[in-house]
Amino acid sequence: MADLTLSATMTGGEAFMHADAAGLVRRIGQELAMRAAQAVIDTSRPNVPVDRGLLKSSGSATPTDDGAIAQYDVPYAADVEHGTDAHDVPVAELQGWAARHDIPAWLVHEAIAKNGTRAQPYFGPAVEVMKGEMPGMAAQAAADLRAALLGGH
């Protein structure tokens, strides 16, 4: 996910004498990061390809010490997003998927060995959408910070 940075200029410095300004900035920044990360998950989820639903259900937004992470937490998430080059997959690993799609597993094996798998982007497009939303979200966070520091003035 692309780095998202909030830069704000505050006026009314007298409020800093009576408020934990650093704590407020940290809290509101964390809230902004979580809103952005959750928005990426919410925006991407309708476009996640579904077989058994494991990929789709693994999407989450998680706070970190300095922001938040939006992620899909299954080992094959990146392979679905970006596709793969041709590679060998043991036929036994393909049996369940092939059976659910009524395709012989050996045929799936041969296709992946020859062509790889096609990209099915869901996360990257959501990040791009959120890049357009971030200025408004950041402006709201700055307004929330100003209101907290100045007591709603």
Protein backbone atom coordinates (compact mmCIF):
# COMPACT_ATOMS: atom_id res chain seq x y z
CA MET A 1 0.00 0.00 0.00
CA ALA A 2 1.26 3.49 -0.76
CA ASP A 3 2.49 5.67 2.09
CA LEU A 4 -0.10 8.18 3.25
CA THR A 5 1.11 11.32 5.01
CA LEU A 6 -0.90 14.01 6.77
CA SER A 7 0.64 17.45 7.08
CA ALA A 8 -1.21 20.12 9.03
CA THR A 9 -0.47 23.66 10.16
CA MET A 10 -2.14 24.73 13.38
CA THR A 11 -2.90 28.20 14.69
CA GLY A 12 -3.98 29.04 18.23
CA GLY A 13 -0.82 27.90 19.99
CA GLU A 14 -2.25 28.83 23.39
CA ALA A 15 -4.33 25.67 23.26
CA PHE A 16 -1.13 23.62 23.38
CA MET A 17 -0.53 24.86 26.92
CA HIS A 18 -3.74 23.16 28.11
CA ALA A 19 -3.89 20.06 25.94
CA ASP A 20 -1.83 16.98 25.25
CA ALA A 21 -1.26 18.12 21.67
CA ALA A 22 1.13 15.29 20.78
CA GLY A 23 -1.35 12.73 22.10
CA LEU A 24 -4.20 14.33 20.16
CA VAL A 25 -2.18 14.40 16.94
CA ARG A 26 -1.19 10.77 17.45
CA ARG A 27 -4.78 9.67 18.21
CA ILE A 28 -6.35 11.53 15.29
CA GLY A 29 -3.57 10.38 12.96
CA GLN A 30 -4.17 6.80 14.07
CA GLU A 31 -7.90 7.19 13.48
CA LEU A 32 -7.23 8.59 10.00
CA ALA A 33 -4.89 5.71 9.18
CA MET A 34 -7.45 3.16 10.40
CA ARG A 35 -10.27 4.82 8.42
CA ALA A 36 -8.09 4.78 5.29
CA ALA A 37 -7.01 1.16 5.79
CA GLN A 38 -10.59 0.01 6.44
CA ALA A 39 -11.77 1.96 3.39
CA VAL A 40 -9.23 0.09 1.24
CA ILE A 41 -10.60 -3.22 2.55
CA ASP A 42 -14.23 -2.11 2.08
CA THR A 43 -13.51 -0.83 -1.45
CA SER A 44 -11.55 -3.92 -2.50
CA ARG A 45 -13.77 -6.60 -0.97
CA PRO A 46 -16.47 -6.58 -3.71
CA ASN A 47 -13.74 -7.25 -6.31
CA VAL A 48 -12.00 -10.12 -4.50
CA PRO A 49 -12.35 -13.31 -6.55
CA VAL A 50 -14.22 -16.01 -4.62
CA ASP A 51 -13.77 -19.75 -4.71
CA ARG A 52 -14.29 -20.81 -1.09
CA GLY A 53 -14.27 -17.25 0.28
CA LEU A 54 -11.05 -17.59 2.29
CA LEU A 55 -9.28 -14.73 0.51
CA LYS A 56 -12.27 -12.42 0.79
CA SER A 57 -12.79 -13.16 4.48
CA SER A 58 -9.09 -12.63 5.30
CA GLY A 59 -9.20 -8.88 4.56
CA SER A 60 -8.57 -6.70 7.59
CA ALA A 61 -7.41 -3.29 8.74
CA THR A 62 -5.08 -3.44 11.74
CA PRO A 63 -3.59 -0.58 13.77
CA THR A 64 0.19 -0.33 14.07
CA ASP A 65 2.37 1.85 16.28
CA ASP A 66 2.54 4.52 13.59
CA GLY A 67 -0.55 4.00 11.45
CA ALA A 68 -2.47 1.04 10.12
CA ILE A 69 -2.15 -1.83 7.67
CA ALA A 70 -4.76 -3.02 5.20
CA GLN A 71 -4.10 -6.59 4.12
CA TYR A 72 -5.47 -9.87 2.85
CA ASP A 73 -3.84 -12.54 4.95
CA VAL A 74 -3.73 -15.79 2.99
CA PRO A 75 -0.54 -17.12 1.39
CA TYR A 76 -1.89 -16.76 -2.16
CA ALA A 77 -3.28 -13.20 -1.90
CA ALA A 78 -0.44 -11.62 -3.91
CA ASP A 79 -0.58 -14.39 -6.53
CA VAL A 80 -4.27 -13.68 -7.11
CA GLU A 81 -3.66 -9.91 -7.26
CA HIS A 82 -0.66 -10.02 -9.60
CA GLY A 83 -0.97 -13.42 -11.30
CA THR A 84 1.96 -15.78 -11.61
CA ASP A 85 4.47 -16.83 -14.20
CA ALA A 86 4.36 -20.41 -15.43
CA HIS A 87 5.24 -22.77 -12.59
CA ASP A 88 4.72 -26.30 -11.38
CA VAL A 89 1.90 -26.99 -8.92
CA PRO A 90 1.53 -30.57 -7.72
CA VAL A 91 -1.68 -32.09 -9.10
CA ALA A 92 -2.67 -33.16 -5.58
CA GLU A 93 -2.80 -29.48 -4.51
CA LEU A 94 -5.20 -28.72 -7.36
CA GLN A 95 -7.68 -31.57 -6.73
CA GLY A 96 -10.12 -29.61 -4.54
CA TRP A 97 -10.23 -26.51 -6.76
CA ALA A 98 -10.51 -28.61 -9.92
CA ALA A 99 -13.34 -30.69 -8.46
CA ARG A 100 -15.28 -27.57 -7.41
CA HIS A 101 -15.00 -26.27 -10.97
CA ASP A 102 -15.55 -29.62 -12.69
CA ILE A 103 -12.20 -29.50 -14.49
CA PRO A 104 -9.67 -32.34 -14.47
CA ALA A 105 -6.81 -31.46 -12.08
CA TRP A 106 -4.17 -32.60 -14.57
CA LEU A 107 -5.54 -30.09 -17.11
CA VAL A 108 -5.30 -27.25 -14.57
CA HIS A 109 -1.76 -28.42 -13.74
CA GLU A 110 -0.74 -28.28 -17.41
CA ALA A 111 -2.30 -24.84 -17.94
CA ILE A 112 -0.50 -23.32 -14.94
CA ALA A 113 2.79 -25.01 -15.94
CA LYS A 114 2.49 -23.50 -19.42
CA ASN A 115 0.81 -20.11 -18.80
CA GLY A 116 0.89 -19.32 -15.09
CA THR A 117 -2.21 -17.67 -13.65
CA ARG A 118 -3.83 -14.42 -14.72
CA ALA A 119 -3.86 -11.36 -12.48
CA GLN A 120 -7.18 -10.59 -10.79
CA PRO A 121 -6.51 -7.16 -9.22
CA TYR A 122 -8.68 -6.20 -6.28
CA PHE A 123 -6.32 -4.49 -3.79
CA GLY A 124 -4.32 -2.17 -6.05
CA PRO A 125 -7.40 -0.62 -7.65
CA ALA A 126 -8.84 0.04 -4.17
CA VAL A 127 -5.63 1.80 -3.12
CA GLU A 128 -5.88 3.97 -6.25
CA VAL A 129 -9.48 4.90 -5.37
CA MET A 130 -8.41 5.79 -1.83
CA LYS A 131 -5.61 8.04 -3.09
CA GLY A 132 -8.39 10.24 -4.48
CA GLU A 133 -10.30 10.13 -1.18
CA MET A 134 -7.34 10.90 1.08
CA PRO A 135 -7.33 14.70 0.69
CA GLY A 136 -10.89 14.87 2.01
CA MET A 137 -10.16 12.40 4.79
CA ALA A 138 -7.02 14.33 5.77
CA ALA A 139 -8.92 17.62 5.77
CA GLN A 140 -11.52 16.11 8.09
CA ALA A 141 -8.76 14.80 10.38
CA ALA A 142 -7.18 18.27 10.47
CA ALA A 143 -10.57 19.80 11.32
CA ASP A 144 -11.05 17.20 14.09
CA LEU A 145 -7.61 18.02 15.46
CA ARG A 146 -8.24 21.76 15.37
CA ALA A 147 -11.60 21.31 17.12
CA ALA A 148 -10.01 19.12 19.80
CA LEU A 149 -7.19 21.56 20.43
CA LEU A 150 -9.29 24.71 20.35
CA GLY A 151 -12.35 23.30 22.03
CA GLY A 152 -14.55 23.42 18.93
CA HIS A 153 -13.77 27.06 18.00
